[in-house]
Amino acid sequence: MAVRVVYLGKLQDVAGRPESEFSSSSGDLDWPDLVEVLRNHVNEDVADAVCDPRNKIAVNGQIQSDRESLVFKHGDEVALLPPVSGG
């Protein structure tokens, strides 16, 4: 089972890379699992950032409103989107 995580905008800087791929032999990943994987395999700052409600989560191109109930399946692309700013 593999899930691809794409870091966009400032989250790419925080993660130090544009994307990661995580595999699990135990089955699907839920939201707490993904946060823990980010904390252990990327860094604590990106794990903390994705928990900030201002940052959005998209799964396979669809923005998700309830991250706590997310379960990621094999082949899913999870995009982590910071708030849009400009001027």
PDB file of N, CA and C in Angstrom:
ATOM      1  N   MET A   1       0.841  -1.158   0.000  1.00  0.00           N
ATOM      2  CA  MET A   1       0.000   0.000   0.000  1.00  0.00           C
ATOM      3  C   MET A   1       0.891   1.227   0.000  1.00  0.00           C
ATOM      4  N   ALA A   2       0.661   2.148  -0.939  1.00  0.00           N
ATOM      5  CA  ALA A   2       1.484   3.352  -1.032  1.00  0.00           C
ATOM      6  C   ALA A   2       0.592   4.578  -1.216  1.00  0.00           C
ATOM      7  N   VAL A   3       0.949   5.657  -0.524  1.00  0.00           N
ATOM      8  CA  VAL A   3       0.255   6.936  -0.617  1.00  0.00           C
ATOM      9  C   VAL A   3       1.302   7.991  -0.940  1.00  0.00           C
ATOM     10  N   ARG A   4       0.992   8.848  -1.908  1.00  0.00           N
ATOM     11  CA  ARG A   4       1.895   9.930  -2.294  1.00  0.00           C
ATOM     12  C   ARG A   4       1.408  11.215  -1.646  1.00  0.00           C
ATOM     13  N   VAL A   5       2.304  11.919  -0.965  1.00  0.00           N
ATOM     14  CA  VAL A   5       1.979  13.188  -0.321  1.00  0.00           C
ATOM     15  C   VAL A   5       2.727  14.291  -1.063  1.00  0.00           C
ATOM     16  N   VAL A   6       1.984  15.306  -1.503  1.00  0.00           N
ATOM     17  CA  VAL A   6       2.540  16.439  -2.233  1.00  0.00           C
ATOM     18  C   VAL A   6       2.436  17.671  -1.331  1.00  0.00           C
ATOM     19  N   TYR A   7       3.557  18.348  -1.156  1.00  0.00           N
ATOM     20  CA  TYR A   7       3.613  19.555  -0.319  1.00  0.00           C
ATOM     21  C   TYR A   7       3.597  20.766  -1.241  1.00  0.00           C
ATOM     22  N   LEU A   8       2.644  21.652  -1.037  1.00  0.00           N
ATOM     23  CA  LEU A   8       2.523  22.820  -1.900  1.00  0.00           C
ATOM     24  C   LEU A   8       2.858  24.099  -1.135  1.00  0.00           C
ATOM     25  N   GLY A   9       3.304  25.112  -1.872  1.00  0.00           N
ATOM     26  CA  GLY A   9       3.597  26.424  -1.286  1.00  0.00           C
ATOM     27  C   GLY A   9       4.611  26.345  -0.159  1.00  0.00           C
ATOM     28  N   LYS A  10       4.314  27.051   0.929  1.00  0.00           N
ATOM     29  CA  LYS A  10       5.227  27.105   2.070  1.00  0.00           C
ATOM     30  C   LYS A  10       5.433  25.742   2.718  1.00  0.00           C
ATOM     31  N   LEU A  11       4.461  24.846   2.560  1.00  0.00           N
ATOM     32  CA  LEU A  11       4.615  23.514   3.153  1.00  0.00           C
ATOM     33  C   LEU A  11       5.751  22.734   2.490  1.00  0.00           C
ATOM     34  N   GLN A  12       6.039  23.039   1.226  1.00  0.00           N
ATOM     35  CA  GLN A  12       7.179  22.412   0.556  1.00  0.00           C
ATOM     36  C   GLN A  12       8.477  22.850   1.227  1.00  0.00           C
ATOM     37  N   ASP A  13       8.557  24.121   1.599  1.00  0.00           N
ATOM     38  CA  ASP A  13       9.739  24.618   2.300  1.00  0.00           C
ATOM     39  C   ASP A  13       9.864  23.964   3.674  1.00  0.00           C
ATOM     40  N   VAL A  14       8.745  23.839   4.370  1.00  0.00           N
ATOM     41  CA  VAL A  14       8.756  23.228   5.705  1.00  0.00           C
ATOM     42  C   VAL A  14       9.175  21.763   5.617  1.00  0.00           C
ATOM     43  N   ALA A  15       8.662  21.057   4.603  1.00  0.00           N
ATOM     44  CA  ALA A  15       8.990  19.637   4.436  1.00  0.00           C
ATOM     45  C   ALA A  15      10.399  19.441   3.890  1.00  0.00           C
ATOM     46  N   GLY A  16      10.911  20.444   3.165  1.00  0.00           N
ATOM     47  CA  GLY A  16      12.238  20.318   2.575  1.00  0.00           C
ATOM     48  C   GLY A  16      12.270  19.468   1.322  1.00  0.00           C
ATOM     49  N   ARG A  17      11.096  19.254   0.748  1.00  0.00           N
ATOM     50  CA  ARG A  17      10.982  18.445  -0.476  1.00  0.00           C
ATOM     51  C   ARG A  17       9.608  18.685  -1.098  1.00  0.00           C
ATOM     52  N   PRO A  18       9.453  18.400  -2.384  1.00  0.00           N
ATOM     53  CA  PRO A  18       8.154  18.628  -3.022  1.00  0.00           C
ATOM     54  C   PRO A  18       7.133  17.533  -2.746  1.00  0.00           C
ATOM     55  N   GLU A  19       7.592  16.326  -2.454  1.00  0.00           N
ATOM     56  CA  GLU A  19       6.661  15.223  -2.217  1.00  0.00           C
ATOM     57  C   GLU A  19       7.350  14.076  -1.489  1.00  0.00           C
ATOM     58  N   SER A  20       6.525  13.180  -0.981  1.00  0.00           N
ATOM     59  CA  SER A  20       7.004  11.966  -0.322  1.00  0.00           C
ATOM     60  C   SER A  20       6.073  10.833  -0.708  1.00  0.00           C
ATOM     61  N   GLU A  21       6.570   9.628  -0.618  1.00  0.00           N
ATOM     62  CA  GLU A  21       5.713   8.464  -0.794  1.00  0.00           C
ATOM     63  C   GLU A  21       5.897   7.563   0.411  1.00  0.00           C
ATOM     64  N   PHE A  22       4.771   7.149   0.971  1.00  0.00           N
ATOM     65  CA  PHE A  22       4.800   6.311   2.160  1.00  0.00           C
ATOM     66  C   PHE A  22       4.108   4.995   1.862  1.00  0.00           C
ATOM     67  N   SER A  23       4.705   3.921   2.333  1.00  0.00           N
ATOM     68  CA  SER A  23       4.140   2.590   2.158  1.00  0.00           C
ATOM     69  C   SER A  23       3.768   2.015   3.508  1.00  0.00           C
ATOM     70  N   SER A  24       2.727   1.209   3.503  1.00  0.00           N
ATOM     71  CA  SER A  24       2.296   0.535   4.716  1.00  0.00           C
ATOM     72  C   SER A  24       1.942  -0.901   4.371  1.00  0.00           C
ATOM     73  N   SER A  25       2.514  -1.820   5.097  1.00  0.00           N
ATOM     74  CA  SER A  25       2.183  -3.223   4.867  1.00  0.00           C
ATOM     75  C   SER A  25       0.972  -3.642   5.690  1.00  0.00           C
ATOM     76  N   SER A  26       0.534  -2.756   6.594  1.00  0.00           N
ATOM     77  CA  SER A  26      -0.577  -3.116   7.482  1.00  0.00           C
ATOM     78  C   SER A  26      -1.937  -2.656   6.955  1.00  0.00           C
ATOM     79  N   GLY A  27      -2.002  -2.102   5.759  1.00  0.00           N
ATOM     80  CA  GLY A  27      -3.283  -1.679   5.204  1.00  0.00           C
ATOM     81  C   GLY A  27      -3.373  -0.180   5.019  1.00  0.00           C
ATOM     82  N   ASP A  28      -4.590   0.330   4.982  1.00  0.00           N
ATOM     83  CA  ASP A  28      -4.842   1.742   4.733  1.00  0.00           C
ATOM     84  C   ASP A  28      -4.344   2.606   5.884  1.00  0.00           C
ATOM     85  N   LEU A  29      -4.063   3.871   5.560  1.00  0.00           N
ATOM     86  CA  LEU A  29      -3.658   4.861   6.564  1.00  0.00           C
ATOM     87  C   LEU A  29      -4.843   5.765   6.871  1.00  0.00           C
ATOM     88  N   ASP A  30      -5.067   6.059   8.139  1.00  0.00           N
ATOM     89  CA  ASP A  30      -6.061   7.066   8.474  1.00  0.00           C
ATOM     90  C   ASP A  30      -5.330   8.368   8.799  1.00  0.00           C
ATOM     91  N   TRP A  31      -6.096   9.414   9.154  1.00  0.00           N
ATOM     92  CA  TRP A  31      -5.495  10.731   9.386  1.00  0.00           C
ATOM     93  C   TRP A  31      -4.434  10.695  10.484  1.00  0.00           C
ATOM     94  N   PRO A  32      -4.721  10.142  11.678  1.00  0.00           N
ATOM     95  CA  PRO A  32      -3.678  10.110  12.710  1.00  0.00           C
ATOM     96  C   PRO A  32      -2.427   9.341  12.270  1.00  0.00           C
ATOM     97  N   ASP A  33      -2.625   8.269  11.492  1.00  0.00           N
ATOM     98  CA  ASP A  33      -1.474   7.516  10.978  1.00  0.00           C
ATOM     99  C   ASP A  33      -0.613   8.399  10.080  1.00  0.00           C
ATOM    100  N   LEU A  34      -1.260   9.164   9.196  1.00  0.00           N
ATOM    101  CA  LEU A  34      -0.510  10.011   8.273  1.00  0.00           C
ATOM    102  C   LEU A  34       0.260  11.086   9.028  1.00  0.00           C
ATOM    103  N   VAL A  35      -0.363  11.705  10.013  1.00  0.00           N
ATOM    104  CA  VAL A  35       0.330  12.727  10.800  1.00  0.00           C
ATOM    105  C   VAL A  35       1.548  12.118  11.491  1.00  0.00           C
ATOM    106  N   GLU A  36       1.400  10.932  12.034  1.00  0.00           N
ATOM    107  CA  GLU A  36       2.517  10.266  12.712  1.00  0.00           C
ATOM    108  C   GLU A  36       3.634   9.910  11.728  1.00  0.00           C
ATOM    109  N   VAL A  37       3.268   9.454  10.538  1.00  0.00           N
ATOM    110  CA  VAL A  37       4.274   9.141   9.509  1.00  0.00           C
ATOM    111  C   VAL A  37       5.034  10.411   9.125  1.00  0.00           C
ATOM    112  N   LEU A  38       4.316  11.520   8.949  1.00  0.00           N
ATOM    113  CA  LEU A  38       4.979  12.784   8.624  1.00  0.00           C
ATOM    114  C   LEU A  38       5.930  13.196   9.745  1.00  0.00           C
ATOM    115  N   ARG A  39       5.481  13.048  10.977  1.00  0.00           N
ATOM    116  CA  ARG A  39       6.304  13.410  12.136  1.00  0.00           C
ATOM    117  C   ARG A  39       7.584  12.565  12.177  1.00  0.00           C
ATOM    118  N   ASN A  40       7.473  11.276  11.904  1.00  0.00           N
ATOM    119  CA  ASN A  40       8.613  10.359  12.019  1.00  0.00           C
ATOM    120  C   ASN A  40       9.508  10.295  10.788  1.00  0.00           C
ATOM    121  N   HIS A  41       8.947  10.581   9.591  1.00  0.00           N
ATOM    122  CA  HIS A  41       9.733  10.379   8.370  1.00  0.00           C
ATOM    123  C   HIS A  41      10.012  11.652   7.579  1.00  0.00           C
ATOM    124  N   VAL A  42       9.375  12.762   7.943  1.00  0.00           N
ATOM    125  CA  VAL A  42       9.682  14.035   7.295  1.00  0.00           C
ATOM    126  C   VAL A  42      10.246  14.957   8.370  1.00  0.00           C
ATOM    127  N   ASN A  43       9.382  15.581   9.159  1.00  0.00           N
ATOM    128  CA  ASN A  43       9.824  16.336  10.338  1.00  0.00           C
ATOM    129  C   ASN A  43       8.615  16.780  11.157  1.00  0.00           C
ATOM    130  N   GLU A  44       8.882  17.152  12.375  1.00  0.00           N
ATOM    131  CA  GLU A  44       7.805  17.540  13.288  1.00  0.00           C
ATOM    132  C   GLU A  44       7.089  18.800  12.828  1.00  0.00           C
ATOM    133  N   ASP A  45       7.817  19.733  12.207  1.00  0.00           N
ATOM    134  CA  ASP A  45       7.203  20.986  11.769  1.00  0.00           C
ATOM    135  C   ASP A  45       6.124  20.755  10.712  1.00  0.00           C
ATOM    136  N   VAL A  46       6.361  19.859   9.772  1.00  0.00           N
ATOM    137  CA  VAL A  46       5.351  19.607   8.739  1.00  0.00           C
ATOM    138  C   VAL A  46       4.160  18.868   9.348  1.00  0.00           C
ATOM    139  N   ALA A  47       4.400  17.980  10.289  1.00  0.00           N
ATOM    140  CA  ALA A  47       3.296  17.290  10.965  1.00  0.00           C
ATOM    141  C   ALA A  47       2.429  18.289  11.723  1.00  0.00           C
ATOM    142  N   ASP A  48       3.055  19.229  12.413  1.00  0.00           N
ATOM    143  CA  ASP A  48       2.301  20.260  13.130  1.00  0.00           C
ATOM    144  C   ASP A  48       1.546  21.155  12.149  1.00  0.00           C
ATOM    145  N   ALA A  49       2.175  21.490  11.031  1.00  0.00           N
ATOM    146  CA  ALA A  49       1.551  22.379  10.047  1.00  0.00           C
ATOM    147  C   ALA A  49       0.300  21.764   9.436  1.00  0.00           C
ATOM    148  N   VAL A  50       0.303  20.473   9.147  1.00  0.00           N
ATOM    149  CA  VAL A  50      -0.870  19.871   8.523  1.00  0.00           C
ATOM    150  C   VAL A  50      -2.042  19.775   9.494  1.00  0.00           C
ATOM    151  N   CYS A  51      -1.769  19.877  10.779  1.00  0.00           N
ATOM    152  CA  CYS A  51      -2.841  19.861  11.773  1.00  0.00           C
ATOM    153  C   CYS A  51      -3.494  21.229  11.939  1.00  0.00           C
ATOM    154  N   ASP A  52      -2.849  22.272  11.422  1.00  0.00           N
ATOM    155  CA  ASP A  52      -3.406  23.624  11.476  1.00  0.00           C
ATOM    156  C   ASP A  52      -4.619  23.674  10.542  1.00  0.00           C
ATOM    157  N   PRO A  53      -5.801  24.035  11.043  1.00  0.00           N
ATOM    158  CA  PRO A  53      -7.001  24.030  10.197  1.00  0.00           C
ATOM    159  C   PRO A  53      -6.960  25.026   9.034  1.00  0.00           C
ATOM    160  N   ARG A  54      -6.034  25.983   9.054  1.00  0.00           N
ATOM    161  CA  ARG A  54      -5.911  26.907   7.921  1.00  0.00           C
ATOM    162  C   ARG A  54      -5.327  26.214   6.696  1.00  0.00           C
ATOM    163  N   ASN A  55      -4.584  25.125   6.919  1.00  0.00           N
ATOM    164  CA  ASN A  55      -4.030  24.352   5.810  1.00  0.00           C
ATOM    165  C   ASN A  55      -5.083  23.344   5.356  1.00  0.00           C
ATOM    166  N   LYS A  56      -5.254  23.231   4.056  1.00  0.00           N
ATOM    167  CA  LYS A  56      -6.265  22.350   3.479  1.00  0.00           C
ATOM    168  C   LYS A  56      -5.631  21.036   3.027  1.00  0.00           C
ATOM    169  N   ILE A  57      -6.472  20.032   2.919  1.00  0.00           N
ATOM    170  CA  ILE A  57      -6.052  18.709   2.475  1.00  0.00           C
ATOM    171  C   ILE A  57      -6.895  18.344   1.257  1.00  0.00           C
ATOM    172  N   ALA A  58      -6.232  17.903   0.191  1.00  0.00           N
ATOM    173  CA  ALA A  58      -6.949  17.400  -0.980  1.00  0.00           C
ATOM    174  C   ALA A  58      -6.522  15.956  -1.201  1.00  0.00           C
ATOM    175  N   VAL A  59      -7.484  15.111  -1.461  1.00  0.00           N
ATOM    176  CA  VAL A  59      -7.213  13.714  -1.774  1.00  0.00           C
ATOM    177  C   VAL A  59      -7.678  13.478  -3.203  1.00  0.00           C
ATOM    178  N   ASN A  60      -6.729  13.099  -4.050  1.00  0.00           N
ATOM    179  CA  ASN A  60      -7.009  12.868  -5.462  1.00  0.00           C
ATOM    180  C   ASN A  60      -7.735  14.056  -6.099  1.00  0.00           C
ATOM    181  N   GLY A  61      -7.274  15.272  -5.729  1.00  0.00           N
ATOM    182  CA  GLY A  61      -7.791  16.493  -6.342  1.00  0.00           C
ATOM    183  C   GLY A  61      -9.040  17.057  -5.706  1.00  0.00           C
ATOM    184  N   GLN A  62      -9.571  16.427  -4.667  1.00  0.00           N
ATOM    185  CA  GLN A  62     -10.790  16.895  -4.021  1.00  0.00           C
ATOM    186  C   GLN A  62     -10.477  17.405  -2.619  1.00  0.00           C
ATOM    187  N   ILE A  63     -10.791  18.687  -2.357  1.00  0.00           N
ATOM    188  CA  ILE A  63     -10.582  19.261  -1.029  1.00  0.00           C
ATOM    189  C   ILE A  63     -11.464  18.520  -0.032  1.00  0.00           C
ATOM    190  N   GLN A  64     -10.881  18.187   1.105  1.00  0.00           N
ATOM    191  CA  GLN A  64     -11.597  17.456   2.148  1.00  0.00           C
ATOM    192  C   GLN A  64     -11.923  18.382   3.313  1.00  0.00           C
ATOM    193  N   SER A  65     -13.146  18.348   3.778  1.00  0.00           N
ATOM    194  CA  SER A  65     -13.538  19.236   4.870  1.00  0.00           C
ATOM    195  C   SER A  65     -13.364  18.577   6.238  1.00  0.00           C
ATOM    196  N   ASP A  66     -13.410  17.263   6.300  1.00  0.00           N
ATOM    197  CA  ASP A  66     -13.307  16.555   7.580  1.00  0.00           C
ATOM    198  C   ASP A  66     -12.081  15.657   7.572  1.00  0.00           C
ATOM    199  N   ARG A  67     -10.946  16.219   7.910  1.00  0.00           N
ATOM    200  CA  ARG A  67      -9.694  15.456   7.850  1.00  0.00           C
ATOM    201  C   ARG A  67      -9.654  14.325   8.867  1.00  0.00           C
ATOM    202  N   GLU A  68     -10.331  14.477   9.997  1.00  0.00           N
ATOM    203  CA  GLU A  68     -10.281  13.463  11.054  1.00  0.00           C
ATOM    204  C   GLU A  68     -10.858  12.123  10.614  1.00  0.00           C
ATOM    205  N   SER A  69     -11.762  12.126   9.637  1.00  0.00           N
ATOM    206  CA  SER A  69     -12.372  10.872   9.191  1.00  0.00           C
ATOM    207  C   SER A  69     -11.714  10.302   7.928  1.00  0.00           C
ATOM    208  N   LEU A  70     -10.650  10.918   7.470  1.00  0.00           N
ATOM    209  CA  LEU A  70      -9.999  10.454   6.241  1.00  0.00           C
ATOM    210  C   LEU A  70      -9.322   9.104   6.425  1.00  0.00           C
ATOM    211  N   VAL A  71      -9.467   8.279   5.399  1.00  0.00           N
ATOM    212  CA  VAL A  71      -8.733   7.018   5.299  1.00  0.00           C
ATOM    213  C   VAL A  71      -8.146   6.993   3.898  1.00  0.00           C
ATOM    214  N   PHE A  72      -6.835   6.855   3.816  1.00  0.00           N
ATOM    215  CA  PHE A  72      -6.137   6.900   2.540  1.00  0.00           C
ATOM    216  C   PHE A  72      -5.936   5.490   2.017  1.00  0.00           C
ATOM    217  N   LYS A  73      -6.224   5.314   0.742  1.00  0.00           N
ATOM    218  CA  LYS A  73      -6.135   4.007   0.081  1.00  0.00           C
ATOM    219  C   LYS A  73      -4.881   3.945  -0.796  1.00  0.00           C
ATOM    220  N   HIS A  74      -4.530   2.743  -1.189  1.00  0.00           N
ATOM    221  CA  HIS A  74      -3.384   2.535  -2.076  1.00  0.00           C
ATOM    222  C   HIS A  74      -3.547   3.399  -3.331  1.00  0.00           C
ATOM    223  N   GLY A  75      -2.494   4.139  -3.655  1.00  0.00           N
ATOM    224  CA  GLY A  75      -2.479   4.959  -4.856  1.00  0.00           C
ATOM    225  C   GLY A  75      -3.023   6.363  -4.685  1.00  0.00           C
ATOM    226  N   ASP A  76      -3.545   6.687  -3.504  1.00  0.00           N
ATOM    227  CA  ASP A  76      -4.066   8.040  -3.281  1.00  0.00           C
ATOM    228  C   ASP A  76      -2.951   9.073  -3.336  1.00  0.00           C
ATOM    229  N   GLU A  77      -3.305  10.250  -3.857  1.00  0.00           N
ATOM    230  CA  GLU A  77      -2.426  11.403  -3.802  1.00  0.00           C
ATOM    231  C   GLU A  77      -3.025  12.380  -2.799  1.00  0.00           C
ATOM    232  N   VAL A  78      -2.251  12.709  -1.787  1.00  0.00           N
ATOM    233  CA  VAL A  78      -2.679  13.633  -0.737  1.00  0.00           C
ATOM    234  C   VAL A  78      -1.895  14.925  -0.928  1.00  0.00           C
ATOM    235  N   ALA A  79      -2.606  16.002  -1.234  1.00  0.00           N
ATOM    236  CA  ALA A  79      -1.963  17.301  -1.409  1.00  0.00           C
ATOM    237  C   ALA A  79      -2.204  18.140  -0.160  1.00  0.00           C
ATOM    238  N   LEU A  80      -1.127  18.715   0.363  1.00  0.00           N
ATOM    239  CA  LEU A  80      -1.191  19.572   1.544  1.00  0.00           C
ATOM    240  C   LEU A  80      -1.059  21.010   1.064  1.00  0.00           C
ATOM    241  N   LEU A  81      -2.117  21.806   1.266  1.00  0.00           N
ATOM    242  CA  LEU A  81      -2.205  23.148   0.701  1.00  0.00           C
ATOM    243  C   LEU A  81      -2.245  24.204   1.802  1.00  0.00           C
ATOM    244  N   PRO A  82      -1.283  25.116   1.806  1.00  0.00           N
ATOM    245  CA  PRO A  82      -1.327  26.219   2.774  1.00  0.00           C
ATOM    246  C   PRO A  82      -2.374  27.243   2.339  1.00  0.00           C
ATOM    247  N   PRO A  83      -2.746  28.142   3.245  1.00  0.00           N
ATOM    248  CA  PRO A  83      -3.698  29.189   2.861  1.00  0.00           C
ATOM    249  C   PRO A  83      -3.125  30.051   1.737  1.00  0.00           C
ATOM    250  N   VAL A  84      -4.008  30.521   0.879  1.00  0.00           N
ATOM    251  CA  VAL A  84      -3.605  31.376  -0.228  1.00  0.00           C
ATOM    252  C   VAL A  84      -3.437  32.796   0.308  1.00  0.00           C
ATOM    253  N   SER A  85      -2.344  33.419  -0.076  1.00  0.00           N
ATOM    254  CA  SER A  85      -2.135  34.813   0.316  1.00  0.00           C
ATOM    255  C   SER A  85      -1.614  35.574  -0.894  1.00  0.00           C
ATOM    256  N   GLY A  86      -1.739  36.826  -0.848  1.00  0.00           N
ATOM    257  CA  GLY A  86      -1.252  37.627  -1.968  1.00  0.00           C
ATOM    258  C   GLY A  86      -1.497  39.092  -1.697  1.00  0.00           C
ATOM    259  N   GLY A  87      -1.138  39.859  -2.655  1.00  0.00           N
ATOM    260  CA  GLY A  87      -1.341  41.274  -2.426  1.00  0.00           C
ATOM    261  C   GLY A  87      -1.086  42.069  -3.662  1.00  0.00           C
TER     262      GLY A  87
END
